[in-house]
């Protein structure tokens, strides 16, 4: 197998760079729409709806719980959610090594864009919510990234940056990251006890900085 020469590290966001495990679940909790969330999740996992329909039903539940909810209100709900302190140091270490960091997240884009701004990360992709001209949330959105197809997002990002997958590492924590991890040359699991994720990873890191140190140490010589 070819050696990896890492020039891009794609990070999941929820549970990796921020402490909340799911930004969708976080909003359901804040808006009191747990029951709808569980029903919609079950429908998707049973294959009875697609990803866009899942987004539609989740966002519709938020609108029904708080009619006229706006982007600014969603931003306020996410105010308490910040990148973990290690995230700043991790991105700084990569930047000093000449390695690009990117966000490949199935999380809510309102939070993902905030994380990208705070960490000064230029490249990110996530499902996009939809708003009317007055900033009010509209049911549905644009599934620019389907949560279970991060492989496609990583491939598109690498091509846009003129990189091959031999130059990409992926850092994730859940089964939603598995396809992205498989596509990357170097897969690192962090903050997880899921045996499926642990079994697919090239390395299981103790924390985010450990993950980055591993990439910096093995990103040239590791045989993927």
N, C-alpha and C. Protein backbone atom coordinates (compact mmCIF):
# COMPACT_ATOMS: atom_id res chain seq x y z
N UNK A 1 0.84 -1.20 0.00
CA UNK A 1 0.00 0.00 0.00
C UNK A 1 0.88 1.25 0.00
N UNK A 2 0.39 2.35 -0.60
CA UNK A 2 1.20 3.57 -0.67
C UNK A 2 1.37 4.23 0.69
N UNK A 3 2.46 4.94 0.83
CA UNK A 3 2.68 5.70 2.05
C UNK A 3 1.85 6.97 2.03
N UNK A 4 1.48 7.41 3.24
CA UNK A 4 0.75 8.67 3.36
C UNK A 4 1.72 9.83 3.49
N UNK A 5 1.39 10.91 2.81
CA UNK A 5 2.12 12.17 2.99
C UNK A 5 1.07 13.24 3.28
N UNK A 6 0.70 13.37 4.52
CA UNK A 6 -0.47 14.14 4.90
C UNK A 6 -0.28 15.64 4.69
N UNK A 7 -1.22 16.22 3.93
CA UNK A 7 -1.25 17.67 3.72
C UNK A 7 -2.59 18.26 4.12
N UNK A 8 -3.56 17.38 4.43
CA UNK A 8 -4.89 17.84 4.84
C UNK A 8 -5.42 16.91 5.92
N UNK A 9 -5.91 17.50 7.01
CA UNK A 9 -6.57 16.72 8.06
C UNK A 9 -8.03 17.16 8.11
N UNK A 10 -8.93 16.22 7.86
CA UNK A 10 -10.37 16.48 7.92
C UNK A 10 -10.88 16.06 9.29
N UNK A 11 -11.47 17.00 10.00
CA UNK A 11 -12.00 16.74 11.33
C UNK A 11 -13.52 16.66 11.29
N UNK A 12 -14.06 15.66 11.96
CA UNK A 12 -15.45 15.74 12.35
C UNK A 12 -15.55 16.85 13.41
N UNK A 13 -16.75 17.36 13.65
CA UNK A 13 -16.91 18.46 14.61
C UNK A 13 -17.58 17.98 15.89
N UNK A 14 -18.81 17.48 15.79
CA UNK A 14 -19.54 17.07 16.99
C UNK A 14 -18.81 15.94 17.71
N UNK A 15 -18.50 16.15 18.98
CA UNK A 15 -17.82 15.14 19.77
C UNK A 15 -16.32 15.09 19.58
N UNK A 16 -15.80 15.84 18.60
CA UNK A 16 -14.36 15.87 18.33
C UNK A 16 -13.78 17.24 18.65
N UNK A 17 -14.34 18.28 18.04
CA UNK A 17 -13.85 19.64 18.27
C UNK A 17 -14.72 20.42 19.25
N UNK A 18 -15.95 19.97 19.44
CA UNK A 18 -16.85 20.57 20.43
C UNK A 18 -17.34 19.47 21.36
N UNK A 19 -17.74 19.81 22.59
CA UNK A 19 -18.10 18.77 23.56
C UNK A 19 -19.44 18.10 23.29
N UNK A 20 -20.36 18.74 22.57
CA UNK A 20 -21.65 18.10 22.32
C UNK A 20 -21.47 16.97 21.32
N UNK A 21 -22.13 15.85 21.59
CA UNK A 21 -21.97 14.68 20.72
C UNK A 21 -22.72 14.83 19.41
N UNK A 22 -23.84 15.59 19.44
CA UNK A 22 -24.62 15.82 18.23
C UNK A 22 -25.25 17.19 18.32
N UNK A 23 -24.94 18.06 17.36
CA UNK A 23 -25.53 19.40 17.37
C UNK A 23 -27.02 19.35 17.03
N UNK A 24 -27.44 18.34 16.27
CA UNK A 24 -28.87 18.16 16.00
C UNK A 24 -29.59 17.79 17.29
N UNK A 25 -29.06 16.82 18.03
CA UNK A 25 -29.67 16.42 19.29
C UNK A 25 -29.66 17.57 20.29
N UNK A 26 -28.60 18.37 20.24
CA UNK A 26 -28.51 19.53 21.14
C UNK A 26 -29.68 20.49 20.90
N UNK A 27 -29.97 20.79 19.63
CA UNK A 27 -31.10 21.68 19.34
C UNK A 27 -32.43 21.04 19.71
N UNK A 28 -32.57 19.75 19.46
CA UNK A 28 -33.80 19.07 19.87
C UNK A 28 -33.99 19.19 21.39
N UNK A 29 -32.90 19.07 22.12
CA UNK A 29 -32.98 19.19 23.58
C UNK A 29 -33.38 20.61 23.99
N UNK A 30 -32.74 21.61 23.36
CA UNK A 30 -33.02 22.99 23.72
C UNK A 30 -34.45 23.40 23.35
N UNK A 31 -34.98 22.81 22.27
CA UNK A 31 -36.30 23.20 21.78
C UNK A 31 -37.41 22.25 22.22
N UNK A 32 -37.04 21.21 22.96
CA UNK A 32 -38.05 20.29 23.48
C UNK A 32 -38.70 19.40 22.44
N UNK A 33 -37.92 18.97 21.44
CA UNK A 33 -38.49 18.15 20.37
C UNK A 33 -37.88 16.74 20.35
N UNK A 34 -37.63 16.19 21.53
CA UNK A 34 -37.02 14.86 21.64
C UNK A 34 -37.83 13.79 20.93
N UNK A 35 -39.13 13.81 21.15
CA UNK A 35 -39.97 12.75 20.60
C UNK A 35 -39.90 12.72 19.07
N UNK A 36 -39.98 13.87 18.45
CA UNK A 36 -39.88 13.95 16.99
C UNK A 36 -38.51 13.48 16.53
N UNK A 37 -37.48 13.85 17.28
CA UNK A 37 -36.12 13.46 16.93
C UNK A 37 -35.98 11.94 16.89
N UNK A 38 -36.49 11.27 17.91
CA UNK A 38 -36.39 9.82 17.95
C UNK A 38 -37.16 9.15 16.82
N UNK A 39 -38.34 9.67 16.53
CA UNK A 39 -39.15 9.11 15.44
C UNK A 39 -38.44 9.28 14.09
N UNK A 40 -37.90 10.48 13.85
CA UNK A 40 -37.25 10.76 12.57
C UNK A 40 -35.99 9.92 12.39
N UNK A 41 -35.23 9.76 13.47
CA UNK A 41 -34.01 8.94 13.43
C UNK A 41 -34.36 7.50 13.06
N UNK A 42 -35.41 6.97 13.69
CA UNK A 42 -35.82 5.60 13.42
C UNK A 42 -36.25 5.44 11.96
N UNK A 43 -36.99 6.40 11.44
CA UNK A 43 -37.42 6.32 10.05
C UNK A 43 -36.23 6.29 9.10
N UNK A 44 -35.21 7.11 9.38
CA UNK A 44 -34.03 7.13 8.52
C UNK A 44 -33.26 5.82 8.62
N UNK A 45 -33.03 5.35 9.83
CA UNK A 45 -32.25 4.14 10.01
C UNK A 45 -32.95 2.92 9.43
N UNK A 46 -34.27 2.96 9.37
CA UNK A 46 -35.03 1.85 8.76
C UNK A 46 -35.11 1.98 7.24
N UNK A 47 -34.56 3.06 6.69
CA UNK A 47 -34.58 3.26 5.25
C UNK A 47 -35.91 3.73 4.71
N UNK A 48 -36.77 4.23 5.57
CA UNK A 48 -38.10 4.65 5.13
C UNK A 48 -38.12 6.10 4.64
N UNK A 49 -37.11 6.86 4.98
CA UNK A 49 -36.94 8.21 4.46
C UNK A 49 -35.47 8.41 4.10
N UNK A 50 -35.21 9.36 3.19
CA UNK A 50 -33.84 9.69 2.84
C UNK A 50 -33.31 10.80 3.73
N UNK A 51 -32.08 11.23 3.44
CA UNK A 51 -31.44 12.20 4.33
C UNK A 51 -32.14 13.56 4.26
N UNK A 52 -32.53 13.99 3.05
CA UNK A 52 -33.21 15.28 2.96
C UNK A 52 -34.51 15.25 3.74
N UNK A 53 -35.28 14.15 3.62
CA UNK A 53 -36.53 14.04 4.37
C UNK A 53 -36.27 14.09 5.88
N UNK A 54 -35.16 13.48 6.31
CA UNK A 54 -34.79 13.53 7.73
C UNK A 54 -34.54 14.98 8.15
N UNK A 55 -33.78 15.72 7.35
CA UNK A 55 -33.56 17.14 7.63
C UNK A 55 -34.88 17.90 7.67
N UNK A 56 -35.74 17.60 6.71
CA UNK A 56 -37.03 18.31 6.64
C UNK A 56 -37.84 18.10 7.92
N UNK A 57 -37.95 16.85 8.34
CA UNK A 57 -38.77 16.55 9.51
C UNK A 57 -38.17 17.13 10.79
N UNK A 58 -36.84 17.09 10.91
CA UNK A 58 -36.20 17.67 12.10
C UNK A 58 -36.42 19.18 12.16
N UNK A 59 -36.17 19.85 11.05
CA UNK A 59 -36.32 21.31 11.05
C UNK A 59 -37.78 21.72 11.19
N UNK A 60 -38.69 20.92 10.62
CA UNK A 60 -40.11 21.20 10.79
C UNK A 60 -40.50 21.12 12.27
N UNK A 61 -39.93 20.16 12.98
CA UNK A 61 -40.22 20.02 14.42
C UNK A 61 -39.77 21.27 15.18
N UNK A 62 -38.60 21.82 14.80
CA UNK A 62 -38.12 23.04 15.47
C UNK A 62 -39.06 24.21 15.20
N UNK A 63 -39.51 24.32 13.96
CA UNK A 63 -40.40 25.43 13.60
C UNK A 63 -41.74 25.30 14.32
N UNK A 64 -42.24 24.08 14.42
CA UNK A 64 -43.51 23.88 15.13
C UNK A 64 -43.36 24.18 16.62
N UNK A 65 -42.18 23.88 17.17
CA UNK A 65 -41.94 24.15 18.58
C UNK A 65 -41.75 25.64 18.85
N UNK A 66 -41.15 26.35 17.90
CA UNK A 66 -40.93 27.79 18.05
C UNK A 66 -41.20 28.47 16.71
N UNK A 67 -42.46 28.75 16.40
CA UNK A 67 -42.82 29.35 15.10
C UNK A 67 -42.04 30.64 14.83
N UNK A 68 -41.54 30.73 13.58
CA UNK A 68 -40.80 31.93 13.19
C UNK A 68 -39.37 31.96 13.68
N UNK A 69 -38.85 30.84 14.18
CA UNK A 69 -37.48 30.82 14.69
C UNK A 69 -36.51 31.24 13.60
N UNK A 70 -35.54 32.07 13.97
CA UNK A 70 -34.61 32.65 13.00
C UNK A 70 -33.21 32.08 13.16
N UNK A 71 -32.39 32.39 12.17
CA UNK A 71 -30.99 31.99 12.23
C UNK A 71 -30.32 32.59 13.47
N UNK A 72 -30.67 33.83 13.78
CA UNK A 72 -30.04 34.49 14.93
C UNK A 72 -30.42 33.82 16.23
N UNK A 73 -31.63 33.33 16.31
CA UNK A 73 -32.05 32.59 17.50
C UNK A 73 -31.29 31.26 17.60
N UNK A 74 -31.09 30.61 16.47
CA UNK A 74 -30.31 29.37 16.49
C UNK A 74 -28.87 29.65 16.92
N UNK A 75 -28.31 30.75 16.42
CA UNK A 75 -26.96 31.13 16.84
C UNK A 75 -26.90 31.36 18.34
N UNK A 76 -27.93 31.99 18.90
CA UNK A 76 -27.97 32.22 20.34
C UNK A 76 -28.06 30.91 21.11
N UNK A 77 -28.82 29.95 20.58
CA UNK A 77 -28.92 28.65 21.24
C UNK A 77 -27.56 27.95 21.28
N UNK A 78 -26.75 28.21 20.26
CA UNK A 78 -25.42 27.59 20.20
C UNK A 78 -24.35 28.42 20.92
N UNK A 79 -24.71 29.56 21.47
CA UNK A 79 -23.73 30.41 22.16
C UNK A 79 -22.90 29.65 23.19
N UNK A 80 -23.50 28.75 24.00
CA UNK A 80 -22.69 28.06 25.01
C UNK A 80 -21.72 27.03 24.45
N UNK A 81 -21.88 26.67 23.20
CA UNK A 81 -21.06 25.59 22.61
C UNK A 81 -19.83 26.20 21.95
N UNK A 82 -18.67 25.90 22.49
CA UNK A 82 -17.40 26.42 21.98
C UNK A 82 -16.47 25.27 21.63
N UNK A 83 -15.50 25.49 20.74
CA UNK A 83 -14.47 24.46 20.54
C UNK A 83 -13.75 24.17 21.84
N UNK A 84 -13.39 22.91 22.05
CA UNK A 84 -12.63 22.57 23.25
C UNK A 84 -11.27 23.24 23.17
N UNK A 85 -10.64 23.56 24.30
CA UNK A 85 -9.35 24.26 24.27
C UNK A 85 -8.30 23.57 23.40
N UNK A 86 -8.27 22.23 23.41
CA UNK A 86 -7.28 21.52 22.61
C UNK A 86 -7.44 21.76 21.11
N UNK A 87 -8.64 22.13 20.68
CA UNK A 87 -8.87 22.32 19.26
C UNK A 87 -8.00 23.45 18.71
N UNK A 88 -7.87 24.51 19.48
CA UNK A 88 -7.05 25.65 19.03
C UNK A 88 -5.59 25.24 18.87
N UNK A 89 -5.08 24.50 19.86
CA UNK A 89 -3.69 24.07 19.80
C UNK A 89 -3.48 23.06 18.68
N UNK A 90 -4.45 22.17 18.47
CA UNK A 90 -4.33 21.16 17.42
C UNK A 90 -4.23 21.80 16.04
N UNK A 91 -5.10 22.77 15.77
CA UNK A 91 -5.07 23.43 14.47
C UNK A 91 -3.79 24.26 14.32
N UNK A 92 -3.35 24.86 15.40
CA UNK A 92 -2.10 25.64 15.36
C UNK A 92 -0.91 24.75 15.02
N UNK A 93 -0.84 23.57 15.61
CA UNK A 93 0.26 22.64 15.34
C UNK A 93 0.26 22.22 13.88
N UNK A 94 -0.92 21.92 13.35
CA UNK A 94 -1.00 21.53 11.94
C UNK A 94 -0.59 22.67 11.03
N UNK A 95 -1.06 23.87 11.35
CA UNK A 95 -0.74 25.03 10.52
C UNK A 95 0.77 25.28 10.51
N UNK A 96 1.40 25.14 11.65
CA UNK A 96 2.85 25.34 11.72
C UNK A 96 3.61 24.29 10.92
N UNK A 97 3.01 23.12 10.76
CA UNK A 97 3.63 22.05 9.98
C UNK A 97 3.28 22.13 8.50
N UNK A 98 2.52 23.15 8.11
CA UNK A 98 2.14 23.31 6.72
C UNK A 98 1.02 22.39 6.29
N UNK A 99 0.23 21.91 7.24
CA UNK A 99 -0.87 21.00 6.95
C UNK A 99 -2.19 21.74 7.11
N UNK A 100 -3.06 21.61 6.11
CA UNK A 100 -4.36 22.27 6.13
C UNK A 100 -5.33 21.49 7.02
N UNK A 101 -6.16 22.21 7.75
CA UNK A 101 -7.24 21.60 8.52
C UNK A 101 -8.57 21.93 7.85
N UNK A 102 -9.49 20.98 7.87
CA UNK A 102 -10.82 21.18 7.30
C UNK A 102 -11.84 20.53 8.21
N UNK A 103 -13.08 20.96 8.07
CA UNK A 103 -14.18 20.39 8.84
C UNK A 103 -15.10 19.64 7.90
N UNK A 104 -15.34 18.37 8.19
CA UNK A 104 -16.27 17.55 7.41
C UNK A 104 -17.28 17.00 8.42
N UNK A 105 -18.41 17.67 8.51
CA UNK A 105 -19.33 17.43 9.62
C UNK A 105 -20.76 17.21 9.14
N UNK A 106 -21.43 16.28 9.79
CA UNK A 106 -22.85 16.12 9.57
C UNK A 106 -23.67 16.97 10.51
N UNK A 107 -23.00 17.83 11.26
CA UNK A 107 -23.67 18.68 12.24
C UNK A 107 -24.38 19.86 11.61
N UNK A 108 -25.05 20.63 12.45
CA UNK A 108 -25.80 21.81 12.00
C UNK A 108 -24.83 22.89 11.54
N UNK A 109 -25.04 23.42 10.34
CA UNK A 109 -24.07 24.36 9.78
C UNK A 109 -23.94 25.64 10.58
N UNK A 110 -24.96 26.00 11.34
CA UNK A 110 -24.86 27.19 12.18
C UNK A 110 -23.73 27.03 13.18
N UNK A 111 -23.59 25.84 13.73
CA UNK A 111 -22.48 25.59 14.66
C UNK A 111 -21.17 25.35 13.93
N UNK A 112 -21.22 24.59 12.83
CA UNK A 112 -19.98 24.27 12.11
C UNK A 112 -19.31 25.54 11.59
N UNK A 113 -20.10 26.48 11.07
CA UNK A 113 -19.53 27.74 10.59
C UNK A 113 -18.91 28.54 11.74
N UNK A 114 -19.53 28.48 12.91
CA UNK A 114 -18.97 29.15 14.09
C UNK A 114 -17.62 28.55 14.46
N UNK A 115 -17.53 27.23 14.47
CA UNK A 115 -16.27 26.56 14.79
C UNK A 115 -15.20 26.91 13.77
N UNK A 116 -15.57 26.90 12.49
CA UNK A 116 -14.61 27.26 11.44
C UNK A 116 -14.09 28.68 11.63
N UNK A 117 -14.97 29.59 11.99
CA UNK A 117 -14.56 30.98 12.19
C UNK A 117 -13.63 31.11 13.40
N UNK A 118 -13.97 30.47 14.50
CA UNK A 118 -13.16 30.59 15.72
C UNK A 118 -11.79 29.94 15.56
N UNK A 119 -11.74 28.84 14.82
CA UNK A 119 -10.47 28.14 14.63
C UNK A 119 -9.72 28.61 13.38
N UNK A 120 -10.33 29.56 12.67
CA UNK A 120 -9.73 30.12 11.44
C UNK A 120 -9.45 29.01 10.42
N UNK A 121 -10.47 28.18 10.20
CA UNK A 121 -10.40 27.10 9.21
C UNK A 121 -11.17 27.53 7.97
N UNK A 122 -10.50 27.51 6.84
CA UNK A 122 -11.10 28.02 5.61
C UNK A 122 -12.08 27.06 4.96
N UNK A 123 -11.79 25.78 5.05
CA UNK A 123 -12.55 24.78 4.30
C UNK A 123 -13.43 23.97 5.25
N UNK A 124 -14.73 24.00 4.99
CA UNK A 124 -15.65 23.20 5.80
C UNK A 124 -16.89 22.88 4.98
N UNK A 125 -17.52 21.77 5.36
CA UNK A 125 -18.76 21.37 4.69
C UNK A 125 -19.65 20.68 5.71
N UNK A 126 -20.93 20.96 5.62
CA UNK A 126 -21.94 20.33 6.47
C UNK A 126 -23.29 20.51 5.79
N UNK A 127 -24.32 19.79 6.25
CA UNK A 127 -25.66 20.06 5.73
C UNK A 127 -26.04 21.51 6.02
N UNK A 128 -26.70 22.16 5.08
CA UNK A 128 -27.03 23.58 5.24
C UNK A 128 -28.51 23.76 5.52
N UNK A 129 -28.83 24.46 6.58
CA UNK A 129 -30.21 24.83 6.85
C UNK A 129 -30.66 25.89 5.85
N UNK A 130 -31.97 26.04 5.71
CA UNK A 130 -32.53 27.02 4.77
C UNK A 130 -33.30 28.09 5.55
N UNK A 131 -33.19 29.33 5.06
CA UNK A 131 -33.85 30.46 5.70
C UNK A 131 -34.52 31.33 4.64
N UNK A 132 -35.62 31.97 5.01
CA UNK A 132 -36.26 32.89 4.08
C UNK A 132 -35.54 34.24 4.11
N UNK A 133 -35.95 35.21 3.26
CA UNK A 133 -35.24 36.50 3.22
C UNK A 133 -35.22 37.25 4.55
N UNK A 134 -36.08 36.90 5.48
CA UNK A 134 -36.11 37.55 6.79
C UNK A 134 -35.36 36.75 7.85
N UNK A 135 -34.65 35.72 7.38
CA UNK A 135 -33.84 34.93 8.31
C UNK A 135 -34.58 33.88 9.08
N UNK A 136 -35.83 33.62 8.70
CA UNK A 136 -36.62 32.62 9.41
C UNK A 136 -36.35 31.22 8.82
N UNK A 137 -36.24 30.25 9.72
CA UNK A 137 -35.95 28.88 9.30
C UNK A 137 -37.07 28.32 8.43
N UNK A 138 -36.66 27.64 7.34
CA UNK A 138 -37.58 26.97 6.43
C UNK A 138 -37.36 25.47 6.57
N UNK A 139 -38.40 24.65 6.57
CA UNK A 139 -38.20 23.20 6.66
C UNK A 139 -37.35 22.68 5.51
N UNK A 140 -36.46 21.76 5.83
CA UNK A 140 -35.61 21.16 4.81
C UNK A 140 -34.20 21.68 4.87
N UNK A 141 -33.68 22.09 3.73
CA UNK A 141 -32.31 22.55 3.65
C UNK A 141 -31.58 21.87 2.51
N UNK A 142 -30.28 22.00 2.50
CA UNK A 142 -29.44 21.44 1.44
C UNK A 142 -28.50 20.41 2.05
N UNK A 143 -28.71 19.12 1.77
CA UNK A 143 -27.83 18.09 2.32
C UNK A 143 -26.50 18.03 1.56
N UNK A 144 -25.74 19.13 1.64
CA UNK A 144 -24.45 19.18 0.95
C UNK A 144 -23.53 18.06 1.42
N UNK A 145 -23.76 17.62 2.64
CA UNK A 145 -23.06 16.46 3.17
C UNK A 145 -24.09 15.60 3.88
N UNK A 146 -24.25 14.37 3.41
CA UNK A 146 -25.12 13.44 4.11
C UNK A 146 -24.29 12.78 5.21
N UNK A 147 -24.84 12.74 6.41
CA UNK A 147 -24.07 12.35 7.59
C UNK A 147 -23.36 11.01 7.43
N UNK A 148 -23.97 10.09 6.69
CA UNK A 148 -23.37 8.76 6.54
C UNK A 148 -22.54 8.63 5.26
N UNK A 149 -22.30 9.73 4.55
CA UNK A 149 -21.50 9.68 3.31
C UNK A 149 -20.39 10.72 3.34
N UNK A 150 -19.61 10.70 4.40
CA UNK A 150 -18.50 11.65 4.50
C UNK A 150 -17.37 11.32 3.53
N UNK A 151 -17.37 10.09 3.00
CA UNK A 151 -16.38 9.75 1.99
C UNK A 151 -16.51 10.65 0.77
N UNK A 152 -17.74 10.91 0.36
CA UNK A 152 -17.96 11.78 -0.80
C UNK A 152 -17.46 13.19 -0.53
N UNK A 153 -17.74 13.69 0.67
CA UNK A 153 -17.31 15.05 1.01
C UNK A 153 -15.80 15.16 1.06
N UNK A 154 -15.14 14.16 1.61
CA UNK A 154 -13.68 14.18 1.69
C UNK A 154 -13.07 14.12 0.30
N UNK A 155 -13.62 13.29 -0.56
CA UNK A 155 -13.11 13.20 -1.93
C UNK A 155 -13.26 14.53 -2.67
N UNK A 156 -14.44 15.16 -2.55
CA UNK A 156 -14.67 16.45 -3.22
C UNK A 156 -13.71 17.51 -2.68
N UNK A 157 -13.51 17.53 -1.38
CA UNK A 157 -12.62 18.52 -0.78
C UNK A 157 -11.19 18.31 -1.26
N UNK A 158 -10.73 17.07 -1.27
CA UNK A 158 -9.36 16.79 -1.71
C UNK A 158 -9.17 17.20 -3.17
N UNK A 159 -10.14 16.89 -4.02
CA UNK A 159 -10.02 17.27 -5.43
C UNK A 159 -9.97 18.79 -5.58
N UNK A 160 -10.80 19.50 -4.81
CA UNK A 160 -10.81 20.96 -4.89
C UNK A 160 -9.47 21.56 -4.50
N UNK A 161 -8.78 20.90 -3.58
CA UNK A 161 -7.48 21.39 -3.13
C UNK A 161 -6.32 20.80 -3.93
N UNK A 162 -6.64 19.98 -4.91
CA UNK A 162 -5.60 19.39 -5.75
C UNK A 162 -4.80 18.31 -5.05
N UNK A 163 -5.43 17.59 -4.12
CA UNK A 163 -4.75 16.57 -3.34
C UNK A 163 -5.28 15.18 -3.69
N UNK A 164 -4.44 14.19 -3.50
CA UNK A 164 -4.89 12.80 -3.59
C UNK A 164 -5.26 12.33 -2.18
N UNK A 165 -5.94 11.20 -2.10
CA UNK A 165 -6.32 10.69 -0.79
C UNK A 165 -5.14 10.18 0.00
N UNK A 166 -4.00 9.98 -0.65
CA UNK A 166 -2.78 9.64 0.08
C UNK A 166 -2.32 10.78 0.98
N UNK A 167 -2.87 11.97 0.72
CA UNK A 167 -2.44 13.16 1.45
C UNK A 167 -3.48 13.62 2.48
N UNK A 168 -4.46 12.75 2.76
CA UNK A 168 -5.56 13.14 3.64
C UNK A 168 -5.65 12.22 4.85
N UNK A 169 -5.79 12.84 6.02
CA UNK A 169 -6.10 12.11 7.25
C UNK A 169 -7.49 12.51 7.72
N UNK A 170 -8.16 11.61 8.41
CA UNK A 170 -9.50 11.89 8.93
C UNK A 170 -9.53 11.58 10.41
N UNK A 171 -10.08 12.52 11.19
CA UNK A 171 -10.21 12.34 12.64
C UNK A 171 -11.69 12.32 12.99
N UNK A 172 -12.18 11.21 13.53
CA UNK A 172 -13.59 11.08 13.84
C UNK A 172 -13.84 10.31 15.11
N UNK A 173 -15.12 10.20 15.47
CA UNK A 173 -15.46 9.56 16.74
C UNK A 173 -16.67 8.64 16.68
N UNK A 174 -17.37 8.59 15.55
CA UNK A 174 -18.62 7.82 15.54
C UNK A 174 -18.77 7.03 14.24
N UNK A 175 -19.81 6.18 14.22
CA UNK A 175 -20.04 5.38 13.02
C UNK A 175 -20.35 6.24 11.81
N UNK A 176 -20.84 7.46 12.03
CA UNK A 176 -21.10 8.37 10.91
C UNK A 176 -19.80 8.78 10.21
N UNK A 177 -18.66 8.57 10.87
CA UNK A 177 -17.36 8.96 10.30
C UNK A 177 -16.68 7.80 9.56
N UNK A 178 -17.23 6.60 9.63
CA UNK A 178 -16.51 5.43 9.15
C UNK A 178 -16.16 5.52 7.67
N UNK A 179 -17.07 5.96 6.84
CA UNK A 179 -16.77 6.02 5.40
C UNK A 179 -15.70 7.06 5.11
N UNK A 180 -15.72 8.17 5.83
CA UNK A 180 -14.66 9.16 5.67
C UNK A 180 -13.33 8.61 6.13
N UNK A 181 -13.31 7.87 7.22
CA UNK A 181 -12.08 7.28 7.73
C UNK A 181 -11.53 6.25 6.75
N UNK A 182 -12.41 5.46 6.15
CA UNK A 182 -11.97 4.44 5.20
C UNK A 182 -11.38 5.06 3.94
N UNK A 183 -11.91 6.19 3.52
CA UNK A 183 -11.45 6.83 2.30
C UNK A 183 -10.09 7.49 2.48
N UNK A 184 -9.83 8.00 3.69
CA UNK A 184 -8.57 8.71 3.96
C UNK A 184 -7.41 7.73 4.06
N UNK A 185 -6.21 8.25 3.85
CA UNK A 185 -5.02 7.42 3.94
C UNK A 185 -4.72 7.07 5.40
N UNK A 186 -5.05 7.98 6.30
CA UNK A 186 -4.76 7.79 7.71
C UNK A 186 -6.03 8.10 8.50
N UNK A 187 -6.50 7.13 9.27
CA UNK A 187 -7.74 7.29 10.04
C UNK A 187 -7.43 7.26 11.53
N UNK A 188 -7.86 8.30 12.23
CA UNK A 188 -7.61 8.41 13.67
C UNK A 188 -8.94 8.54 14.39
N UNK A 189 -9.14 7.71 15.40
CA UNK A 189 -10.33 7.78 16.24
C UNK A 189 -9.98 8.52 17.52
N UNK A 190 -10.91 9.34 17.99
CA UNK A 190 -10.70 10.09 19.22
C UNK A 190 -12.02 10.19 19.97
N UNK A 191 -11.94 10.17 21.29
CA UNK A 191 -13.11 10.38 22.13
C UNK A 191 -14.24 9.41 21.80
N UNK A 192 -13.90 8.14 21.68
CA UNK A 192 -14.92 7.14 21.33
C UNK A 192 -14.66 5.84 22.07
N UNK A 193 -15.73 5.14 22.35
CA UNK A 193 -15.66 3.78 22.87
C UNK A 193 -16.38 2.81 21.94
N UNK A 194 -16.78 3.30 20.78
CA UNK A 194 -17.51 2.48 19.83
C UNK A 194 -16.55 1.47 19.18
N UNK A 195 -16.78 0.17 19.37
CA UNK A 195 -15.84 -0.82 18.82
C UNK A 195 -15.75 -0.80 17.31
N UNK A 196 -16.80 -0.35 16.63
CA UNK A 196 -16.76 -0.29 15.17
C UNK A 196 -15.77 0.78 14.73
N UNK A 197 -15.76 1.91 15.40
CA UNK A 197 -14.84 3.00 15.06
C UNK A 197 -13.41 2.62 15.45
N UNK A 198 -13.26 2.05 16.63
CA UNK A 198 -11.94 1.63 17.10
C UNK A 198 -11.34 0.60 16.15
N UNK A 199 -12.18 -0.32 15.68
CA UNK A 199 -11.70 -1.38 14.80
C UNK A 199 -11.26 -0.90 13.44
N UNK A 200 -11.79 0.22 12.98
CA UNK A 200 -11.47 0.74 11.65
C UNK A 200 -10.30 1.73 11.68
N UNK A 201 -9.96 2.24 12.85
CA UNK A 201 -8.95 3.31 12.95
C UNK A 201 -7.54 2.75 12.84
N UNK A 202 -6.66 3.54 12.23
CA UNK A 202 -5.24 3.22 12.25
C UNK A 202 -4.64 3.51 13.63
N UNK A 203 -5.28 4.44 14.34
CA UNK A 203 -4.79 4.81 15.67
C UNK A 203 -5.96 5.31 16.49
N UNK A 204 -6.01 4.91 17.76
CA UNK A 204 -7.03 5.40 18.69
C UNK A 204 -6.33 6.35 19.66
N UNK A 205 -6.64 7.63 19.53
CA UNK A 205 -5.93 8.66 20.30
C UNK A 205 -6.55 8.84 21.68
N UNK A 206 -5.71 9.24 22.62
CA UNK A 206 -6.18 9.52 23.98
C UNK A 206 -7.00 10.80 24.02
N UNK A 207 -6.61 11.76 23.18
CA UNK A 207 -7.33 13.03 23.09
C UNK A 207 -6.97 13.67 21.76
N UNK A 208 -7.48 14.88 21.55
CA UNK A 208 -7.30 15.53 20.25
C UNK A 208 -5.83 15.84 19.96
N UNK A 209 -5.10 16.31 20.95
CA UNK A 209 -3.69 16.60 20.73
C UNK A 209 -2.90 15.33 20.43
N UNK A 210 -3.23 14.26 21.10
CA UNK A 210 -2.58 12.98 20.82
C UNK A 210 -2.83 12.58 19.37
N UNK A 211 -4.05 12.82 18.88
CA UNK A 211 -4.36 12.52 17.49
C UNK A 211 -3.48 13.31 16.53
N UNK A 212 -3.32 14.60 16.81
CA UNK A 212 -2.52 15.45 15.94
C UNK A 212 -1.04 15.08 16.01
N UNK A 213 -0.54 14.79 17.20
CA UNK A 213 0.86 14.38 17.33
C UNK A 213 1.11 13.11 16.54
N UNK A 214 0.16 12.19 16.57
CA UNK A 214 0.32 10.96 15.80
C UNK A 214 0.39 11.26 14.31
N UNK A 215 -0.50 12.12 13.84
CA UNK A 215 -0.49 12.47 12.42
C UNK A 215 0.82 13.14 12.03
N UNK A 216 1.30 14.03 12.87
CA UNK A 216 2.56 14.71 12.57
C UNK A 216 3.74 13.74 12.57
N UNK A 217 3.68 12.74 13.43
CA UNK A 217 4.79 11.80 13.53
C UNK A 217 4.75 10.75 12.44
N UNK A 218 3.55 10.30 12.06
CA UNK A 218 3.41 9.18 11.14
C UNK A 218 2.83 9.58 9.78
N UNK A 219 2.57 10.82 9.59
CA UNK A 219 1.90 11.25 8.37
C UNK A 219 2.71 11.10 7.11
N UNK A 220 4.01 10.85 7.24
CA UNK A 220 4.83 10.65 6.05
C UNK A 220 5.15 9.18 5.87
N UNK A 221 5.45 8.48 6.96
CA UNK A 221 5.96 7.11 6.85
C UNK A 221 4.90 6.05 7.05
N UNK A 222 3.73 6.41 7.63
CA UNK A 222 2.71 5.40 7.90
C UNK A 222 2.23 4.76 6.60
N UNK A 223 2.15 3.43 6.62
CA UNK A 223 1.64 2.71 5.46
C UNK A 223 0.16 2.45 5.64
N UNK A 224 -0.67 3.16 4.82
CA UNK A 224 -2.10 3.05 4.98
C UNK A 224 -2.67 1.77 4.41
